[in-house]
Amino acid sequence: MGLVNVFEAAADLPAAWESRLLGRVGTAGVKVLRMDGRPVPDEAHDATELLFVIDGRLELTVADAEVTVGPGEMYRVAAGTRHAVRPGSAGTLVIVEVAGE
Protein backbone atom coordinates (compact mmCIF):
# COMPACT_ATOMS: atom_id res chain seq x y z
CA MET A 1 0.00 0.00 0.00
CA GLY A 2 1.32 3.43 -0.88
CA LEU A 3 -0.27 6.71 0.15
CA VAL A 4 -2.94 6.49 2.87
CA ASN A 5 -5.13 9.38 4.00
CA VAL A 6 -5.61 8.53 7.68
CA PHE A 7 -8.57 10.90 8.08
CA GLU A 8 -10.42 9.31 5.14
CA ALA A 9 -9.62 5.80 6.41
CA ALA A 10 -11.02 6.72 9.85
CA ALA A 11 -14.13 8.33 8.32
CA ASP A 12 -14.79 5.17 6.25
CA LEU A 13 -14.90 2.93 9.34
CA PRO A 14 -18.35 1.43 9.98
CA ALA A 15 -18.36 2.45 13.65
CA ALA A 16 -16.25 4.15 16.28
CA TRP A 17 -13.77 1.97 18.19
CA GLU A 18 -13.55 -0.51 15.28
CA SER A 19 -9.99 -0.38 13.98
CA ARG A 20 -8.83 -1.01 10.43
CA LEU A 21 -5.41 -2.39 9.55
CA LEU A 22 -3.68 0.04 7.20
CA GLY A 23 -0.51 -1.96 6.71
CA ARG A 24 2.38 -3.89 8.23
CA VAL A 25 6.02 -3.04 8.75
CA GLY A 26 7.95 -6.10 9.86
CA THR A 27 6.13 -7.47 12.91
CA ALA A 28 4.23 -4.21 13.49
CA GLY A 29 0.64 -3.63 12.41
CA VAL A 30 -0.52 -0.05 11.77
CA LYS A 31 -4.21 0.58 12.46
CA VAL A 32 -6.54 3.56 12.48
CA LEU A 33 -9.69 4.08 14.51
CA ARG A 34 -12.19 6.78 15.29
CA MET A 35 -12.88 7.66 18.93
CA ASP A 36 -16.34 8.99 19.79
CA GLY A 37 -16.22 10.02 23.45
CA ARG A 38 -17.37 6.69 24.87
CA PRO A 39 -15.12 4.80 27.30
CA VAL A 40 -13.50 1.44 26.56
CA PRO A 41 -13.19 -1.07 29.43
CA ASP A 42 -9.90 -2.13 30.97
CA GLU A 43 -7.87 -4.46 28.72
CA ALA A 44 -4.35 -5.75 28.07
CA HIS A 45 -2.73 -6.99 24.86
CA ASP A 46 0.03 -9.44 23.96
CA ALA A 47 1.70 -6.77 21.82
CA THR A 48 3.14 -3.38 22.74
CA GLU A 49 0.92 -0.56 21.47
CA LEU A 50 2.00 2.88 20.35
CA LEU A 51 -1.07 5.12 20.53
CA PHE A 52 -0.66 8.19 18.30
CA VAL A 53 -3.39 10.86 18.44
CA ILE A 54 -3.81 12.52 15.04
CA ASP A 55 -6.59 14.85 16.19
CA GLY A 56 -8.74 15.16 19.30
CA ARG A 57 -7.56 13.59 22.54
CA LEU A 58 -7.20 10.21 24.20
CA GLU A 59 -7.95 9.92 27.92
CA LEU A 60 -6.30 6.81 29.36
CA THR A 61 -5.98 5.10 32.69
CA VAL A 62 -2.77 3.05 32.67
CA ALA A 63 -1.78 1.10 35.79
CA ASP A 64 -3.98 3.39 37.95
CA ALA A 65 -2.46 6.59 36.50
CA GLU A 66 -4.51 9.00 34.38
CA VAL A 67 -2.86 10.09 31.13
CA THR A 68 -4.08 12.55 28.50
CA VAL A 69 -2.62 12.21 25.00
CA GLY A 70 -3.21 15.19 22.74
CA PRO A 71 -2.87 15.88 19.01
CA GLY A 72 0.57 15.01 17.71
CA GLU A 73 1.42 13.06 20.87
CA MET A 74 2.06 9.35 21.24
CA TYR A 75 1.86 7.06 24.26
CA ARG A 76 3.51 3.63 24.57
CA VAL A 77 1.62 0.87 26.38
CA ALA A 78 3.90 -2.10 27.05
CA ALA A 79 2.60 -5.59 26.26
CA GLY A 80 0.57 -7.02 29.13
CA THR A 81 -0.13 -3.60 30.73
CA ARG A 82 -3.76 -3.07 31.77
CA HIS A 83 -5.25 0.13 30.35
CA ALA A 84 -8.67 1.68 29.82
CA VAL A 85 -10.03 4.57 27.79
CA ARG A 86 -11.90 7.16 29.85
CA PRO A 87 -14.97 9.08 28.67
CA GLY A 88 -14.19 12.12 26.55
CA SER A 89 -11.74 10.42 24.20
CA ALA A 90 -12.64 11.63 20.73
CA GLY A 91 -10.85 12.10 17.41
CA THR A 92 -8.57 10.01 15.22
CA LEU A 93 -6.13 7.49 16.65
CA VAL A 94 -3.36 5.54 14.90
CA ILE A 95 -2.24 2.40 16.72
CA VAL A 96 1.03 0.65 15.99
CA GLU A 97 1.02 -2.86 17.46
CA VAL A 98 4.50 -4.31 17.86
CA ALA A 99 4.43 -8.07 18.35
CA GLY A 100 7.15 -9.75 20.33
CA GLU A 101 8.30 -6.64 22.15
PDB file of N, CA and C in Angstrom:
ATOM      1  N   MET A   1       0.853  -1.176   0.000  1.00  0.00           N
ATOM      2  CA  MET A   1       0.000   0.000   0.000  1.00  0.00           C
ATOM      3  C   MET A   1       0.891   1.229   0.000  1.00  0.00           C
ATOM      4  N   GLY A   2       0.554   2.193  -0.792  1.00  0.00           N
ATOM      5  CA  GLY A   2       1.323   3.435  -0.880  1.00  0.00           C
ATOM      6  C   GLY A   2       0.751   4.502   0.031  1.00  0.00           C
ATOM      7  N   LEU A   3       0.261   5.561  -0.573  1.00  0.00           N
ATOM      8  CA  LEU A   3      -0.274   6.707   0.155  1.00  0.00           C
ATOM      9  C   LEU A   3      -1.593   6.356   0.836  1.00  0.00           C
ATOM     10  N   VAL A   4      -1.710   6.717   2.113  1.00  0.00           N
ATOM     11  CA  VAL A   4      -2.943   6.495   2.873  1.00  0.00           C
ATOM     12  C   VAL A   4      -3.347   7.817   3.508  1.00  0.00           C
ATOM     13  N   ASN A   5      -4.585   8.223   3.298  1.00  0.00           N
ATOM     14  CA  ASN A   5      -5.130   9.383   4.002  1.00  0.00           C
ATOM     15  C   ASN A   5      -5.784   8.847   5.272  1.00  0.00           C
ATOM     16  N   VAL A   6      -5.147   9.084   6.406  1.00  0.00           N
ATOM     17  CA  VAL A   6      -5.610   8.532   7.680  1.00  0.00           C
ATOM     18  C   VAL A   6      -6.990   9.063   8.037  1.00  0.00           C
ATOM     19  N   PHE A   7      -7.263  10.332   7.761  1.00  0.00           N
ATOM     20  CA  PHE A   7      -8.575  10.903   8.077  1.00  0.00           C
ATOM     21  C   PHE A   7      -9.679  10.226   7.262  1.00  0.00           C
ATOM     22  N   GLU A   8      -9.423   9.984   5.979  1.00  0.00           N
ATOM     23  CA  GLU A   8     -10.421   9.305   5.145  1.00  0.00           C
ATOM     24  C   GLU A   8     -10.612   7.859   5.593  1.00  0.00           C
ATOM     25  N   ALA A   9      -9.522   7.184   5.938  1.00  0.00           N
ATOM     26  CA  ALA A   9      -9.621   5.800   6.414  1.00  0.00           C
ATOM     27  C   ALA A   9     -10.447   5.732   7.694  1.00  0.00           C
ATOM     28  N   ALA A  10     -10.248   6.686   8.602  1.00  0.00           N
ATOM     29  CA  ALA A  10     -11.025   6.715   9.849  1.00  0.00           C
ATOM     30  C   ALA A  10     -12.491   7.022   9.564  1.00  0.00           C
ATOM     31  N   ALA A  11     -12.753   7.960   8.650  1.00  0.00           N
ATOM     32  CA  ALA A  11     -14.132   8.326   8.323  1.00  0.00           C
ATOM     33  C   ALA A  11     -14.880   7.172   7.660  1.00  0.00           C
ATOM     34  N   ASP A  12     -14.163   6.304   6.951  1.00  0.00           N
ATOM     35  CA  ASP A  12     -14.788   5.174   6.253  1.00  0.00           C
ATOM     36  C   ASP A  12     -15.090   3.987   7.179  1.00  0.00           C
ATOM     37  N   LEU A  13     -14.636   4.039   8.422  1.00  0.00           N
ATOM     38  CA  LEU A  13     -14.896   2.930   9.336  1.00  0.00           C
ATOM     39  C   LEU A  13     -16.395   2.821   9.617  1.00  0.00           C
ATOM     40  N   PRO A  14     -16.911   1.602   9.748  1.00  0.00           N
ATOM     41  CA  PRO A  14     -18.346   1.427   9.976  1.00  0.00           C
ATOM     42  C   PRO A  14     -18.827   1.962  11.322  1.00  0.00           C
ATOM     43  N   ALA A  15     -17.962   1.971  12.321  1.00  0.00           N
ATOM     44  CA  ALA A  15     -18.356   2.452  13.650  1.00  0.00           C
ATOM     45  C   ALA A  15     -17.117   2.892  14.415  1.00  0.00           C
ATOM     46  N   ALA A  16     -17.344   3.746  15.411  1.00  0.00           N
ATOM     47  CA  ALA A  16     -16.250   4.151  16.285  1.00  0.00           C
ATOM     48  C   ALA A  16     -15.728   2.946  17.053  1.00  0.00           C
ATOM     49  N   TRP A  17     -14.458   2.999  17.406  1.00  0.00           N
ATOM     50  CA  TRP A  17     -13.771   1.970  18.187  1.00  0.00           C
ATOM     51  C   TRP A  17     -13.607   0.655  17.434  1.00  0.00           C
ATOM     52  N   GLU A  18     -13.842   0.653  16.115  1.00  0.00           N
ATOM     53  CA  GLU A  18     -13.547  -0.510  15.284  1.00  0.00           C
ATOM     54  C   GLU A  18     -12.350  -0.128  14.425  1.00  0.00           C
ATOM     55  N   SER A  19     -11.212  -0.745  14.692  1.00  0.00           N
ATOM     56  CA  SER A  19      -9.994  -0.376  13.977  1.00  0.00           C
ATOM     57  C   SER A  19      -9.915  -1.049  12.610  1.00  0.00           C
ATOM     58  N   ARG A  20      -9.097  -0.460  11.772  1.00  0.00           N
ATOM     59  CA  ARG A  20      -8.828  -1.010  10.434  1.00  0.00           C
ATOM     60  C   ARG A  20      -7.325  -1.077  10.252  1.00  0.00           C
ATOM     61  N   LEU A  21      -6.830  -2.232   9.822  1.00  0.00           N
ATOM     62  CA  LEU A  21      -5.413  -2.393   9.555  1.00  0.00           C
ATOM     63  C   LEU A  21      -5.061  -1.651   8.269  1.00  0.00           C
ATOM     64  N   LEU A  22      -4.116  -0.723   8.373  1.00  0.00           N
ATOM     65  CA  LEU A  22      -3.681   0.044   7.202  1.00  0.00           C
ATOM     66  C   LEU A  22      -2.495  -0.611   6.509  1.00  0.00           C
ATOM     67  N   GLY A  23      -1.687  -1.323   7.292  1.00  0.00           N
ATOM     68  CA  GLY A  23      -0.515  -1.960   6.711  1.00  0.00           C
ATOM     69  C   GLY A  23       0.368  -2.569   7.782  1.00  0.00           C
ATOM     70  N   ARG A  24       1.417  -3.249   7.333  1.00  0.00           N
ATOM     71  CA  ARG A  24       2.377  -3.895   8.233  1.00  0.00           C
ATOM     72  C   ARG A  24       3.784  -3.441   7.874  1.00  0.00           C
ATOM     73  N   VAL A  25       4.600  -3.314   8.910  1.00  0.00           N
ATOM     74  CA  VAL A  25       6.019  -3.035   8.748  1.00  0.00           C
ATOM     75  C   VAL A  25       6.730  -4.028   9.650  1.00  0.00           C
ATOM     76  N   GLY A  26       7.343  -5.035   9.066  1.00  0.00           N
ATOM     77  CA  GLY A  26       7.955  -6.098   9.863  1.00  0.00           C
ATOM     78  C   GLY A  26       6.896  -6.782  10.702  1.00  0.00           C
ATOM     79  N   THR A  27       7.109  -6.833  12.014  1.00  0.00           N
ATOM     80  CA  THR A  27       6.135  -7.468  12.909  1.00  0.00           C
ATOM     81  C   THR A  27       5.091  -6.476  13.422  1.00  0.00           C
ATOM     82  N   ALA A  28       5.157  -5.233  12.999  1.00  0.00           N
ATOM     83  CA  ALA A  28       4.229  -4.207  13.492  1.00  0.00           C
ATOM     84  C   ALA A  28       3.041  -4.044  12.553  1.00  0.00           C
ATOM     85  N   GLY A  29       1.854  -3.938  13.147  1.00  0.00           N
ATOM     86  CA  GLY A  29       0.640  -3.625  12.409  1.00  0.00           C
ATOM     87  C   GLY A  29       0.251  -2.183  12.678  1.00  0.00           C
ATOM     88  N   VAL A  30      -0.110  -1.448  11.635  1.00  0.00           N
ATOM     89  CA  VAL A  30      -0.518  -0.047  11.771  1.00  0.00           C
ATOM     90  C   VAL A  30      -2.012   0.031  11.518  1.00  0.00           C
ATOM     91  N   LYS A  31      -2.750   0.508  12.523  1.00  0.00           N
ATOM     92  CA  LYS A  31      -4.211   0.576  12.459  1.00  0.00           C
ATOM     93  C   LYS A  31      -4.682   2.011  12.662  1.00  0.00           C
ATOM     94  N   VAL A  32      -5.894   2.272  12.217  1.00  0.00           N
ATOM     95  CA  VAL A  32      -6.544   3.555  12.480  1.00  0.00           C
ATOM     96  C   VAL A  32      -7.901   3.270  13.109  1.00  0.00           C
ATOM     97  N   LEU A  33      -8.329   4.167  13.990  1.00  0.00           N
ATOM     98  CA  LEU A  33      -9.694   4.082  14.507  1.00  0.00           C
ATOM     99  C   LEU A  33     -10.200   5.463  14.854  1.00  0.00           C
ATOM    100  N   ARG A  34     -11.502   5.544  14.962  1.00  0.00           N
ATOM    101  CA  ARG A  34     -12.188   6.783  15.287  1.00  0.00           C
ATOM    102  C   ARG A  34     -12.732   6.666  16.708  1.00  0.00           C
ATOM    103  N   MET A  35     -12.381   7.624  17.546  1.00  0.00           N
ATOM    104  CA  MET A  35     -12.876   7.657  18.928  1.00  0.00           C
ATOM    105  C   MET A  35     -14.102   8.572  18.972  1.00  0.00           C
ATOM    106  N   ASP A  36     -15.107   8.203  19.785  1.00  0.00           N
ATOM    107  CA  ASP A  36     -16.343   8.989  19.787  1.00  0.00           C
ATOM    108  C   ASP A  36     -16.778   9.472  21.164  1.00  0.00           C
ATOM    109  N   GLY A  37     -15.876   9.510  22.118  1.00  0.00           N
ATOM    110  CA  GLY A  37     -16.219  10.017  23.450  1.00  0.00           C
ATOM    111  C   GLY A  37     -16.606   8.953  24.446  1.00  0.00           C
ATOM    112  N   ARG A  38     -16.983   7.770  23.950  1.00  0.00           N
ATOM    113  CA  ARG A  38     -17.369   6.692  24.868  1.00  0.00           C
ATOM    114  C   ARG A  38     -16.132   6.030  25.473  1.00  0.00           C
ATOM    115  N   PRO A  39     -16.248   5.513  26.681  1.00  0.00           N
ATOM    116  CA  PRO A  39     -15.122   4.802  27.297  1.00  0.00           C
ATOM    117  C   PRO A  39     -14.968   3.397  26.728  1.00  0.00           C
ATOM    118  N   VAL A  40     -13.788   2.833  26.927  1.00  0.00           N
ATOM    119  CA  VAL A  40     -13.504   1.441  26.559  1.00  0.00           C
ATOM    120  C   VAL A  40     -12.992   0.759  27.823  1.00  0.00           C
ATOM    121  N   PRO A  41     -13.576  -0.393  28.188  1.00  0.00           N
ATOM    122  CA  PRO A  41     -13.186  -1.068  29.435  1.00  0.00           C
ATOM    123  C   PRO A  41     -11.709  -1.454  29.483  1.00  0.00           C
ATOM    124  N   ASP A  42     -11.257  -1.690  30.682  1.00  0.00           N
ATOM    125  CA  ASP A  42      -9.901  -2.131  30.973  1.00  0.00           C
ATOM    126  C   ASP A  42      -9.537  -3.360  30.143  1.00  0.00           C
ATOM    127  N   GLU A  43      -8.329  -3.343  29.537  1.00  0.00           N
ATOM    128  CA  GLU A  43      -7.873  -4.461  28.720  1.00  0.00           C
ATOM    129  C   GLU A  43      -6.356  -4.501  28.724  1.00  0.00           C
ATOM    130  N   ALA A  44      -5.797  -5.602  28.265  1.00  0.00           N
ATOM    131  CA  ALA A  44      -4.355  -5.747  28.066  1.00  0.00           C
ATOM    132  C   ALA A  44      -4.160  -6.531  26.778  1.00  0.00           C
ATOM    133  N   HIS A  45      -3.016  -6.336  26.136  1.00  0.00           N
ATOM    134  CA  HIS A  45      -2.732  -6.988  24.863  1.00  0.00           C
ATOM    135  C   HIS A  45      -1.400  -7.719  24.926  1.00  0.00           C
ATOM    136  N   ASP A  46      -1.228  -8.697  24.046  1.00  0.00           N
ATOM    137  CA  ASP A  46       0.028  -9.439  23.958  1.00  0.00           C
ATOM    138  C   ASP A  46       1.123  -8.631  23.273  1.00  0.00           C
ATOM    139  N   ALA A  47       0.743  -7.593  22.557  1.00  0.00           N
ATOM    140  CA  ALA A  47       1.698  -6.767  21.821  1.00  0.00           C
ATOM    141  C   ALA A  47       1.811  -5.388  22.475  1.00  0.00           C
ATOM    142  N   THR A  48       2.979  -4.769  22.336  1.00  0.00           N
ATOM    143  CA  THR A  48       3.142  -3.378  22.745  1.00  0.00           C
ATOM    144  C   THR A  48       2.352  -2.507  21.773  1.00  0.00           C
ATOM    145  N   GLU A  49       1.683  -1.482  22.314  1.00  0.00           N
ATOM    146  CA  GLU A  49       0.919  -0.557  21.472  1.00  0.00           C
ATOM    147  C   GLU A  49       1.506   0.842  21.562  1.00  0.00           C
ATOM    148  N   LEU A  50       1.675   1.467  20.412  1.00  0.00           N
ATOM    149  CA  LEU A  50       2.002   2.876  20.348  1.00  0.00           C
ATOM    150  C   LEU A  50       0.726   3.581  19.923  1.00  0.00           C
ATOM    151  N   LEU A  51       0.203   4.443  20.772  1.00  0.00           N
ATOM    152  CA  LEU A  51      -1.068   5.121  20.525  1.00  0.00           C
ATOM    153  C   LEU A  51      -0.767   6.562  20.128  1.00  0.00           C
ATOM    154  N   PHE A  52      -1.001   6.889  18.863  1.00  0.00           N
ATOM    155  CA  PHE A  52      -0.662   8.194  18.299  1.00  0.00           C
ATOM    156  C   PHE A  52      -1.948   8.942  17.961  1.00  0.00           C
ATOM    157  N   VAL A  53      -2.189  10.052  18.651  1.00  0.00           N
ATOM    158  CA  VAL A  53      -3.391  10.861  18.437  1.00  0.00           C
ATOM    159  C   VAL A  53      -3.132  11.819  17.271  1.00  0.00           C
ATOM    160  N   ILE A  54      -3.920  11.653  16.213  1.00  0.00           N
ATOM    161  CA  ILE A  54      -3.815  12.518  15.037  1.00  0.00           C
ATOM    162  C   ILE A  54      -4.580  13.818  15.276  1.00  0.00           C
ATOM    163  N   ASP A  55      -5.803  13.679  15.772  1.00  0.00           N
ATOM    164  CA  ASP A  55      -6.588  14.845  16.189  1.00  0.00           C
ATOM    165  C   ASP A  55      -7.482  14.436  17.345  1.00  0.00           C
ATOM    166  N   GLY A  56      -7.918  15.429  18.114  1.00  0.00           N
ATOM    167  CA  GLY A  56      -8.737  15.161  19.300  1.00  0.00           C
ATOM    168  C   GLY A  56      -7.856  14.856  20.495  1.00  0.00           C
ATOM    169  N   ARG A  57      -8.362  13.969  21.373  1.00  0.00           N
ATOM    170  CA  ARG A  57      -7.561  13.589  22.540  1.00  0.00           C
ATOM    171  C   ARG A  57      -7.969  12.214  23.022  1.00  0.00           C
ATOM    172  N   LEU A  58      -7.018  11.542  23.642  1.00  0.00           N
ATOM    173  CA  LEU A  58      -7.199  10.215  24.200  1.00  0.00           C
ATOM    174  C   LEU A  58      -6.995  10.306  25.702  1.00  0.00           C
ATOM    175  N   GLU A  59      -8.019   9.921  26.458  1.00  0.00           N
ATOM    176  CA  GLU A  59      -7.953   9.924  27.918  1.00  0.00           C
ATOM    177  C   GLU A  59      -7.770   8.481  28.380  1.00  0.00           C
ATOM    178  N   LEU A  60      -6.621   8.170  28.949  1.00  0.00           N
ATOM    179  CA  LEU A  60      -6.297   6.808  29.363  1.00  0.00           C
ATOM    180  C   LEU A  60      -6.152   6.689  30.872  1.00  0.00           C
ATOM    181  N   THR A  61      -6.414   5.498  31.352  1.00  0.00           N
ATOM    182  CA  THR A  61      -5.979   5.102  32.686  1.00  0.00           C
ATOM    183  C   THR A  61      -5.050   3.918  32.460  1.00  0.00           C
ATOM    184  N   VAL A  62      -3.790   4.080  32.871  1.00  0.00           N
ATOM    185  CA  VAL A  62      -2.770   3.051  32.675  1.00  0.00           C
ATOM    186  C   VAL A  62      -2.156   2.753  34.034  1.00  0.00           C
ATOM    187  N   ALA A  63      -2.334   1.510  34.494  1.00  0.00           N
ATOM    188  CA  ALA A  63      -1.778   1.097  35.789  1.00  0.00           C
ATOM    189  C   ALA A  63      -2.146   2.106  36.886  1.00  0.00           C
ATOM    190  N   ASP A  64      -3.416   2.479  36.946  1.00  0.00           N
ATOM    191  CA  ASP A  64      -3.977   3.391  37.950  1.00  0.00           C
ATOM    192  C   ASP A  64      -3.544   4.847  37.803  1.00  0.00           C
ATOM    193  N   ALA A  65      -2.837   5.204  36.751  1.00  0.00           N
ATOM    194  CA  ALA A  65      -2.460   6.592  36.497  1.00  0.00           C
ATOM    195  C   ALA A  65      -3.294   7.128  35.336  1.00  0.00           C
ATOM    196  N   GLU A  66      -3.752   8.373  35.463  1.00  0.00           N
ATOM    197  CA  GLU A  66      -4.505   9.004  34.377  1.00  0.00           C
ATOM    198  C   GLU A  66      -3.543   9.737  33.451  1.00  0.00           C
ATOM    199  N   VAL A  67      -3.730   9.516  32.146  1.00  0.00           N
ATOM    200  CA  VAL A  67      -2.860  10.095  31.129  1.00  0.00           C
ATOM    201  C   VAL A  67      -3.737  10.709  30.047  1.00  0.00           C
ATOM    202  N   THR A  68      -3.415  11.919  29.634  1.00  0.00           N
ATOM    203  CA  THR A  68      -4.083  12.552  28.499  1.00  0.00           C
ATOM    204  C   THR A  68      -3.081  12.658  27.364  1.00  0.00           C
ATOM    205  N   VAL A  69      -3.472  12.171  26.196  1.00  0.00           N
ATOM    206  CA  VAL A  69      -2.621  12.214  25.003  1.00  0.00           C
ATOM    207  C   VAL A  69      -3.308  13.132  24.000  1.00  0.00           C
ATOM    208  N   GLY A  70      -2.625  14.205  23.626  1.00  0.00           N
ATOM    209  CA  GLY A  70      -3.213  15.192  22.735  1.00  0.00           C
ATOM    210  C   GLY A  70      -2.745  15.054  21.302  1.00  0.00           C
ATOM    211  N   PRO A  71      -3.223  15.938  20.423  1.00  0.00           N
ATOM    212  CA  PRO A  71      -2.867  15.884  19.005  1.00  0.00           C
ATOM    213  C   PRO A  71      -1.354  15.950  18.811  1.00  0.00           C
ATOM    214  N   GLY A  72      -0.847  15.044  17.984  1.00  0.00           N
ATOM    215  CA  GLY A  72       0.574  15.013  17.713  1.00  0.00           C
ATOM    216  C   GLY A  72       1.389  14.297  18.779  1.00  0.00           C
ATOM    217  N   GLU A  73       0.720  13.773  19.803  1.00  0.00           N
ATOM    218  CA  GLU A  73       1.419  13.058  20.870  1.00  0.00           C
ATOM    219  C   GLU A  73       1.187  11.556  20.747  1.00  0.00           C
ATOM    220  N   MET A  74       2.131  10.801  21.299  1.00  0.00           N
ATOM    221  CA  MET A  74       2.064   9.349  21.240  1.00  0.00           C
ATOM    222  C   MET A  74       2.351   8.799  22.626  1.00  0.00           C
ATOM    223  N   TYR A  75       1.653   7.725  22.967  1.00  0.00           N
ATOM    224  CA  TYR A  75       1.860   7.060  24.259  1.00  0.00           C
ATOM    225  C   TYR A  75       2.144   5.586  24.010  1.00  0.00           C
ATOM    226  N   ARG A  76       3.129   5.035  24.720  1.00  0.00           N
ATOM    227  CA  ARG A  76       3.513   3.629  24.574  1.00  0.00           C
ATOM    228  C   ARG A  76       2.936   2.826  25.729  1.00  0.00           C
ATOM    229  N   VAL A  77       2.172   1.797  25.383  1.00  0.00           N
ATOM    230  CA  VAL A  77       1.624   0.872  26.384  1.00  0.00           C
ATOM    231  C   VAL A  77       2.337  -0.463  26.180  1.00  0.00           C
ATOM    232  N   ALA A  78       3.132  -0.857  27.159  1.00  0.00           N
ATOM    233  CA  ALA A  78       3.896  -2.104  27.053  1.00  0.00           C
ATOM    234  C   ALA A  78       2.958  -3.309  27.015  1.00  0.00           C
ATOM    235  N   ALA A  79       3.383  -4.350  26.323  1.00  0.00           N
ATOM    236  CA  ALA A  79       2.604  -5.590  26.256  1.00  0.00           C
ATOM    237  C   ALA A  79       2.268  -6.061  27.669  1.00  0.00           C
ATOM    238  N   GLY A  80       1.027  -6.503  27.849  1.00  0.00           N
ATOM    239  CA  GLY A  80       0.572  -7.015  29.131  1.00  0.00           C
ATOM    240  C   GLY A  80       0.122  -5.971  30.132  1.00  0.00           C
ATOM    241  N   THR A  81       0.260  -4.676  29.818  1.00  0.00           N
ATOM    242  CA  THR A  81      -0.131  -3.602  30.730  1.00  0.00           C
ATOM    243  C   THR A  81      -1.631  -3.333  30.629  1.00  0.00           C
ATOM    244  N   ARG A  82      -2.331  -3.356  31.742  1.00  0.00           N
ATOM    245  CA  ARG A  82      -3.765  -3.068  31.771  1.00  0.00           C
ATOM    246  C   ARG A  82      -3.965  -1.577  31.510  1.00  0.00           C
ATOM    247  N   HIS A  83      -4.931  -1.263  30.646  1.00  0.00           N
ATOM    248  CA  HIS A  83      -5.246   0.133  30.346  1.00  0.00           C
ATOM    249  C   HIS A  83      -6.712   0.243  29.930  1.00  0.00           C
ATOM    250  N   ALA A  84      -7.281   1.410  30.175  1.00  0.00           N
ATOM    251  CA  ALA A  84      -8.675   1.678  29.824  1.00  0.00           C
ATOM    252  C   ALA A  84      -8.769   3.069  29.221  1.00  0.00           C
ATOM    253  N   VAL A  85      -9.768   3.266  28.376  1.00  0.00           N
ATOM    254  CA  VAL A  85     -10.034   4.573  27.789  1.00  0.00           C
ATOM    255  C   VAL A  85     -11.158   5.215  28.584  1.00  0.00           C
ATOM    256  N   ARG A  86     -10.898   6.429  29.068  1.00  0.00           N
ATOM    257  CA  ARG A  86     -11.895   7.156  29.848  1.00  0.00           C
ATOM    258  C   ARG A  86     -12.845   7.925  28.931  1.00  0.00           C
ATOM    259  N   PRO A  87     -14.034   8.271  29.453  1.00  0.00           N
ATOM    260  CA  PRO A  87     -14.973   9.083  28.671  1.00  0.00           C
ATOM    261  C   PRO A  87     -14.316  10.388  28.219  1.00  0.00           C
ATOM    262  N   GLY A  88     -14.722  10.873  27.082  1.00  0.00           N
ATOM    263  CA  GLY A  88     -14.189  12.124  26.552  1.00  0.00           C
ATOM    264  C   GLY A  88     -13.124  11.932  25.491  1.00  0.00           C
ATOM    265  N   SER A  89     -12.732  10.695  25.244  1.00  0.00           N
ATOM    266  CA  SER A  89     -11.740  10.420  24.200  1.00  0.00           C
ATOM    267  C   SER A  89     -12.434  10.498  22.846  1.00  0.00           C
ATOM    268  N   ALA A  90     -12.006  11.434  22.027  1.00  0.00           N
ATOM    269  CA  ALA A  90     -12.639  11.632  20.727  1.00  0.00           C
ATOM    270  C   ALA A  90     -11.599  12.098  19.724  1.00  0.00           C
ATOM    271  N   GLY A  91     -11.771  11.698  18.470  1.00  0.00           N
ATOM    272  CA  GLY A  91     -10.850  12.103  17.414  1.00  0.00           C
ATOM    273  C   GLY A  91     -10.344  10.899  16.647  1.00  0.00           C
ATOM    274  N   THR A  92      -9.160  11.054  16.053  1.00  0.00           N
ATOM    275  CA  THR A  92      -8.567  10.009  15.218  1.00  0.00           C
ATOM    276  C   THR A  92      -7.311   9.482  15.887  1.00  0.00           C
ATOM    277  N   LEU A  93      -7.225   8.158  15.979  1.00  0.00           N
ATOM    278  CA  LEU A  93      -6.126   7.491  16.654  1.00  0.00           C
ATOM    279  C   LEU A  93      -5.462   6.513  15.710  1.00  0.00           C
ATOM    280  N   VAL A  94      -4.128   6.548  15.629  1.00  0.00           N
ATOM    281  CA  VAL A  94      -3.359   5.543  14.902  1.00  0.00           C
ATOM    282  C   VAL A  94      -2.684   4.674  15.958  1.00  0.00           C
ATOM    283  N   ILE A  95      -2.839   3.360  15.790  1.00  0.00           N
ATOM    284  CA  ILE A  95      -2.241   2.401  16.718  1.00  0.00           C
ATOM    285  C   ILE A  95      -1.201   1.583  15.966  1.00  0.00           C
ATOM    286  N   VAL A  96       0.000   1.526  16.524  1.00  0.00           N
ATOM    287  CA  VAL A  96       1.031   0.646  15.990  1.00  0.00           C
ATOM    288  C   VAL A  96       1.220  -0.469  17.001  1.00  0.00           C
ATOM    289  N   GLU A  97       0.878  -1.693  16.596  1.00  0.00           N
ATOM    290  CA  GLU A  97       1.019  -2.856  17.463  1.00  0.00           C
ATOM    291  C   GLU A  97       2.321  -3.567  17.099  1.00  0.00           C
ATOM    292  N   VAL A  98       3.188  -3.698  18.088  1.00  0.00           N
ATOM    293  CA  VAL A  98       4.499  -4.305  17.860  1.00  0.00           C
ATOM    294  C   VAL A  98       4.528  -5.660  18.566  1.00  0.00           C
ATOM    295  N   ALA A  99       4.416  -6.724  17.791  1.00  0.00           N
ATOM    296  CA  ALA A  99       4.425  -8.071  18.347  1.00  0.00           C
ATOM    297  C   ALA A  99       5.824  -8.447  18.798  1.00  0.00           C
ATOM    298  N   GLY A 100       5.885  -9.229  19.868  1.00  0.00           N
ATOM    299  CA  GLY A 100       7.155  -9.747  20.335  1.00  0.00           C
ATOM    300  C   GLY A 100       8.034  -8.763  21.049  1.00  0.00           C
ATOM    301  N   GLU A 101       7.498  -7.635  21.430  1.00  0.00           N
ATOM    302  CA  GLU A 101       8.303  -6.641  22.145  1.00  0.00           C
ATOM    303  C   GLU A 101       7.983  -6.674  23.618  1.00  0.00           C
TER     304      GLU A 101
END
